[in-house]
Every structure is written in structure tokens, then in C-alpha cells.
């Protein structure tokens, strides 16, 4: 007897369609403090930095990820989850991933740009199951 399912089939990558976006894919050409984004992910997450073209004049580009209890980052409750860096022109068109244990409802990024030119970057917060291959198959003996 065939079994019906609404889940993805074997070999399909599971993607987090509701991922919070700390910065949409675009060019950054100066030091930038991102806005606080409500992520509501009190769990382990993957912070994904998707890099496009990085100008040859960029000598260093660092990204740090912060968490806060408030949407304004007010008070002394801001924590750092970690830092990506240094990123340079040799990192064109690559993806960097950092695992973090998130326990604050708001997150933001801070980019430290040194040199001249733009870095094309997008920063997303994904759940740990993102890009996990579902290789399971039905067991007919159950």
C-alpha cells in the first residue's frame, strides 16, 4: 500500500523559507551598523553570510553578529555571537557559515569596512536543519 506524504522526498535539500534576514543581498561600501531584527530563535542557528563580488580595493571586511533582549539594543544586555573576518577580494562568490547558540530575540550585524570599493553581501539566520539532505526512504516492513 502506498503512503502519502507532504514532506520533501529523499535527496531533497530542506530550506528554511522563513529565515530572518539581517541584511538583504546588496553592496556595502562603508562601516555599517545593521538594524535590530526580531528573530525569535532561542536555539542553535546558522548565521550565513553570502558574498558576491568584493572590490579589489577592499583591504579588510569584518562582520560581527550581536544579540539583544530589546529591539533597540538598549541597556547592557547586548551580546556578541561571533565574528566573520577578515574577508577580502579572494572571498568573492563564497558562503560563510557560523554556528551560534541564540538566546536573545533580536539580532543585528556590524560591518567594519577598510579600503575602497563595495562588498556584495547578504546575511541570513537559518535553523540548523537548513540544507540538510533528507536521504530517508519508506520502510515497507513497518
C-alpha atoms as a PDB file:
ATOM      1  CA  UNK A   1       0.000   0.000   0.000  1.00  0.00           C
ATOM      2  CA  UNK A   2       1.402   3.399  -0.998  1.00  0.00           C
ATOM      3  CA  UNK A   3       1.952   6.010   1.650  1.00  0.00           C
ATOM      4  CA  UNK A   4       1.082   9.657   1.079  1.00  0.00           C
ATOM      5  CA  UNK A   5       3.319  12.385   2.449  1.00  0.00           C
ATOM      6  CA  UNK A   6       3.531  16.146   2.318  1.00  0.00           C
ATOM      7  CA  UNK A   7       7.218  16.257   3.170  1.00  0.00           C
ATOM      8  CA  UNK A   8      10.067  16.633   0.735  1.00  0.00           C
ATOM      9  CA  UNK A   9      11.229  13.474  -0.935  1.00  0.00           C
ATOM     10  CA  UNK A  10      14.513  11.639  -0.447  1.00  0.00           C
ATOM     11  CA  UNK A  11      17.561  13.556  -1.621  1.00  0.00           C
ATOM     12  CA  UNK A  12      15.839  16.948  -1.416  1.00  0.00           C
ATOM     13  CA  UNK A  13      17.516  19.780   0.452  1.00  0.00           C
ATOM     14  CA  UNK A  14      15.403  21.164   3.288  1.00  0.00           C
ATOM     15  CA  UNK A  15      15.435  25.012   3.188  1.00  0.00           C
ATOM     16  CA  UNK A  16      14.323  27.478   5.841  1.00  0.00           C
ATOM     17  CA  UNK A  17      11.826  29.611   3.895  1.00  0.00           C
ATOM     18  CA  UNK A  18      11.098  31.867   6.890  1.00  0.00           C
ATOM     19  CA  UNK A  19      14.710  32.772   7.575  1.00  0.00           C
ATOM     20  CA  UNK A  20      15.269  36.142   9.246  1.00  0.00           C
ATOM     21  CA  UNK A  21      17.341  38.473   7.065  1.00  0.00           C
ATOM     22  CA  UNK A  22      19.866  40.697   8.846  1.00  0.00           C
ATOM     23  CA  UNK A  23      20.828  42.390   5.565  1.00  0.00           C
ATOM     24  CA  UNK A  24      19.373  41.687   2.130  1.00  0.00           C
ATOM     25  CA  UNK A  25      21.859  40.888  -0.618  1.00  0.00           C
ATOM     26  CA  UNK A  26      23.446  44.161  -1.711  1.00  0.00           C
ATOM     27  CA  UNK A  27      26.569  46.294  -1.750  1.00  0.00           C
ATOM     28  CA  UNK A  28      28.167  47.694   1.418  1.00  0.00           C
ATOM     29  CA  UNK A  29      30.948  50.231   0.920  1.00  0.00           C
ATOM     30  CA  UNK A  30      31.374  51.698   4.410  1.00  0.00           C
ATOM     31  CA  UNK A  31      31.208  50.741   8.086  1.00  0.00           C
ATOM     32  CA  UNK A  32      27.604  49.738   8.770  1.00  0.00           C
ATOM     33  CA  UNK A  33      25.555  49.061  11.905  1.00  0.00           C
ATOM     34  CA  UNK A  34      22.564  46.989  10.868  1.00  0.00           C
ATOM     35  CA  UNK A  35      19.083  47.425  12.294  1.00  0.00           C
ATOM     36  CA  UNK A  36      17.841  45.111  15.030  1.00  0.00           C
ATOM     37  CA  UNK A  37      15.800  42.265  13.530  1.00  0.00           C
ATOM     38  CA  UNK A  38      13.409  40.126  15.567  1.00  0.00           C
ATOM     39  CA  UNK A  39      14.499  36.537  15.010  1.00  0.00           C
ATOM     40  CA  UNK A  40      12.724  34.669  17.844  1.00  0.00           C
ATOM     41  CA  UNK A  41      15.021  31.681  17.523  1.00  0.00           C
ATOM     42  CA  UNK A  42      16.013  30.587  21.032  1.00  0.00           C
ATOM     43  CA  UNK A  43      18.036  27.700  19.709  1.00  0.00           C
ATOM     44  CA  UNK A  44      21.114  26.788  17.764  1.00  0.00           C
ATOM     45  CA  UNK A  45      21.225  28.639  14.440  1.00  0.00           C
ATOM     46  CA  UNK A  46      23.459  29.025  11.428  1.00  0.00           C
ATOM     47  CA  UNK A  47      24.346  32.605  10.543  1.00  0.00           C
ATOM     48  CA  UNK A  48      25.000  32.569   6.812  1.00  0.00           C
ATOM     49  CA  UNK A  49      26.980  35.297   5.007  1.00  0.00           C
ATOM     50  CA  UNK A  50      26.525  35.107   1.245  1.00  0.00           C
ATOM     51  CA  UNK A  51      29.260  37.033  -0.556  1.00  0.00           C
ATOM     52  CA  UNK A  52      29.097  38.280  -4.129  1.00  0.00           C
ATOM     53  CA  UNK A  53      31.687  40.480  -5.793  1.00  0.00           C
ATOM     54  CA  UNK A  54      34.209  42.144  -3.493  1.00  0.00           C
ATOM     55  CA  UNK A  55      36.093  45.095  -4.981  1.00  0.00           C
ATOM     56  CA  UNK A  56      39.856  44.702  -5.282  1.00  0.00           C
ATOM     57  CA  UNK A  57      40.352  47.908  -3.229  1.00  0.00           C
ATOM     58  CA  UNK A  58      38.800  46.327  -0.124  1.00  0.00           C
ATOM     59  CA  UNK A  59      41.678  45.524   2.212  1.00  0.00           C
ATOM     60  CA  UNK A  60      39.563  44.086   5.044  1.00  0.00           C
ATOM     61  CA  UNK A  61      35.898  43.492   5.729  1.00  0.00           C
ATOM     62  CA  UNK A  62      34.756  42.080   9.091  1.00  0.00           C
ATOM     63  CA  UNK A  63      31.216  41.220  10.176  1.00  0.00           C
ATOM     64  CA  UNK A  64      30.179  40.742  13.813  1.00  0.00           C
ATOM     65  CA  UNK A  65      26.779  39.388  14.901  1.00  0.00           C
ATOM     66  CA  UNK A  66      25.062  40.716  18.046  1.00  0.00           C
ATOM     67  CA  UNK A  67      22.014  39.736  20.113  1.00  0.00           C
ATOM     68  CA  UNK A  68      19.758  41.807  22.386  1.00  0.00           C
ATOM     69  CA  UNK A  69      16.674  41.470  24.565  1.00  0.00           C
ATOM     70  CA  UNK A  70      15.194  44.657  23.063  1.00  0.00           C
ATOM     71  CA  UNK A  71      14.566  45.867  19.540  1.00  0.00           C
ATOM     72  CA  UNK A  72      16.613  48.977  20.227  1.00  0.00           C
ATOM     73  CA  UNK A  73      19.637  47.254  21.781  1.00  0.00           C
ATOM     74  CA  UNK A  74      19.160  49.452  24.835  1.00  0.00           C
ATOM     75  CA  UNK A  75      20.919  48.675  28.075  1.00  0.00           C
ATOM     76  CA  UNK A  76      23.816  46.399  28.818  1.00  0.00           C
ATOM     77  CA  UNK A  77      22.160  43.225  27.583  1.00  0.00           C
ATOM     78  CA  UNK A  78      23.856  43.161  24.155  1.00  0.00           C
ATOM     79  CA  UNK A  79      25.981  40.074  23.460  1.00  0.00           C
ATOM     80  CA  UNK A  80      28.274  39.090  20.601  1.00  0.00           C
ATOM     81  CA  UNK A  81      27.594  35.733  18.974  1.00  0.00           C
ATOM     82  CA  UNK A  82      30.767  35.827  16.924  1.00  0.00           C
ATOM     83  CA  UNK A  83      32.681  37.438  14.100  1.00  0.00           C
ATOM     84  CA  UNK A  84      33.401  36.708  10.435  1.00  0.00           C
ATOM     85  CA  UNK A  85      36.636  38.166   9.286  1.00  0.00           C
ATOM     86  CA  UNK A  86      38.819  39.173   7.747  1.00  0.00           C
ATOM     87  CA  UNK A  87      37.012  38.931   4.418  1.00  0.00           C
ATOM     88  CA  UNK A  88      38.775  40.143   1.271  1.00  0.00           C
ATOM     89  CA  UNK A  89      38.622  40.069  -2.530  1.00  0.00           C
ATOM     90  CA  UNK A  90      39.784  36.441  -2.587  1.00  0.00           C
ATOM     91  CA  UNK A  91      36.467  35.508  -0.888  1.00  0.00           C
ATOM     92  CA  UNK A  92      34.366  36.553  -3.930  1.00  0.00           C
ATOM     93  CA  UNK A  93      31.226  34.499  -4.525  1.00  0.00           C
ATOM     94  CA  UNK A  94      31.517  32.321  -1.447  1.00  0.00           C
ATOM     95  CA  UNK A  95      29.296  31.497   1.513  1.00  0.00           C
ATOM     96  CA  UNK A  96      30.472  31.608   5.128  1.00  0.00           C
ATOM     97  CA  UNK A  97      28.547  29.902   7.935  1.00  0.00           C
ATOM     98  CA  UNK A  98      28.851  30.355  11.687  1.00  0.00           C
ATOM     99  CA  UNK A  99      27.010  28.207  14.228  1.00  0.00           C
ATOM    100  CA  UNK A 100      25.671  30.125  17.225  1.00  0.00           C
ATOM    101  CA  UNK A 101      23.524  29.357  20.242  1.00  0.00           C
ATOM    102  CA  UNK A 102      20.977  32.178  20.171  1.00  0.00           C
ATOM    103  CA  UNK A 103      19.132  33.119  23.347  1.00  0.00           C
ATOM    104  CA  UNK A 104      18.151  36.728  22.577  1.00  0.00           C
ATOM    105  CA  UNK A 105      15.056  37.588  20.485  1.00  0.00           C
ATOM    106  CA  UNK A 106      16.796  40.309  18.425  1.00  0.00           C
ATOM    107  CA  UNK A 107      19.909  40.188  16.273  1.00  0.00           C
ATOM    108  CA  UNK A 108      21.899  42.613  14.140  1.00  0.00           C
ATOM    109  CA  UNK A 109      25.202  42.807  12.323  1.00  0.00           C
ATOM    110  CA  UNK A 110      28.024  45.334  12.377  1.00  0.00           C
ATOM    111  CA  UNK A 111      30.298  45.558   9.343  1.00  0.00           C
ATOM    112  CA  UNK A 112      33.787  47.044   9.578  1.00  0.00           C
ATOM    113  CA  UNK A 113      34.921  48.090   6.076  1.00  0.00           C
ATOM    114  CA  UNK A 114      38.531  49.053   5.331  1.00  0.00           C
ATOM    115  CA  UNK A 115      39.752  50.187   1.929  1.00  0.00           C
ATOM    116  CA  UNK A 116      37.756  51.352  -1.076  1.00  0.00           C
ATOM    117  CA  UNK A 117      35.009  49.754  -3.117  1.00  0.00           C
ATOM    118  CA  UNK A 118      31.958  47.686  -2.320  1.00  0.00           C
ATOM    119  CA  UNK A 119      31.358  44.246  -0.852  1.00  0.00           C
ATOM    120  CA  UNK A 120      28.257  42.464  -2.075  1.00  0.00           C
ATOM    121  CA  UNK A 121      26.858  40.692   0.980  1.00  0.00           C
ATOM    122  CA  UNK A 122      23.681  39.153   2.390  1.00  0.00           C
ATOM    123  CA  UNK A 123      23.322  37.900   5.976  1.00  0.00           C
ATOM    124  CA  UNK A 124      20.675  35.352   6.936  1.00  0.00           C
ATOM    125  CA  UNK A 125      19.787  33.424  10.115  1.00  0.00           C
ATOM    126  CA  UNK A 126      18.908  29.829   9.379  1.00  0.00           C
ATOM    127  CA  UNK A 127      17.909  26.887  11.523  1.00  0.00           C
ATOM    128  CA  UNK A 128      20.411  24.019  11.824  1.00  0.00           C
ATOM    129  CA  UNK A 129      18.352  21.738   9.556  1.00  0.00           C
ATOM    130  CA  UNK A 130      18.873  24.114   6.617  1.00  0.00           C
ATOM    131  CA  UNK A 131      20.495  22.419   3.630  1.00  0.00           C
ATOM    132  CA  UNK A 132      20.295  19.020   5.268  1.00  0.00           C
ATOM    133  CA  UNK A 133      19.717  16.212   2.808  1.00  0.00           C
ATOM    134  CA  UNK A 134      16.728  14.010   3.616  1.00  0.00           C
ATOM    135  CA  UNK A 135      18.000  10.637   2.491  1.00  0.00           C
ATOM    136  CA  UNK A 136      15.443   8.546   4.335  1.00  0.00           C
ATOM    137  CA  UNK A 137      13.213   6.130   2.480  1.00  0.00           C
ATOM    138  CA  UNK A 138       9.995   4.404   3.383  1.00  0.00           C
ATOM    139  CA  UNK A 139      10.389   1.175   5.310  1.00  0.00           C
ATOM    140  CA  UNK A 140       7.903  -1.345   3.905  1.00  0.00           C
ATOM    141  CA  UNK A 141       8.300  -3.615   6.936  1.00  0.00           C
ATOM    142  CA  UNK A 142       6.602  -1.172   9.310  1.00  0.00           C
END
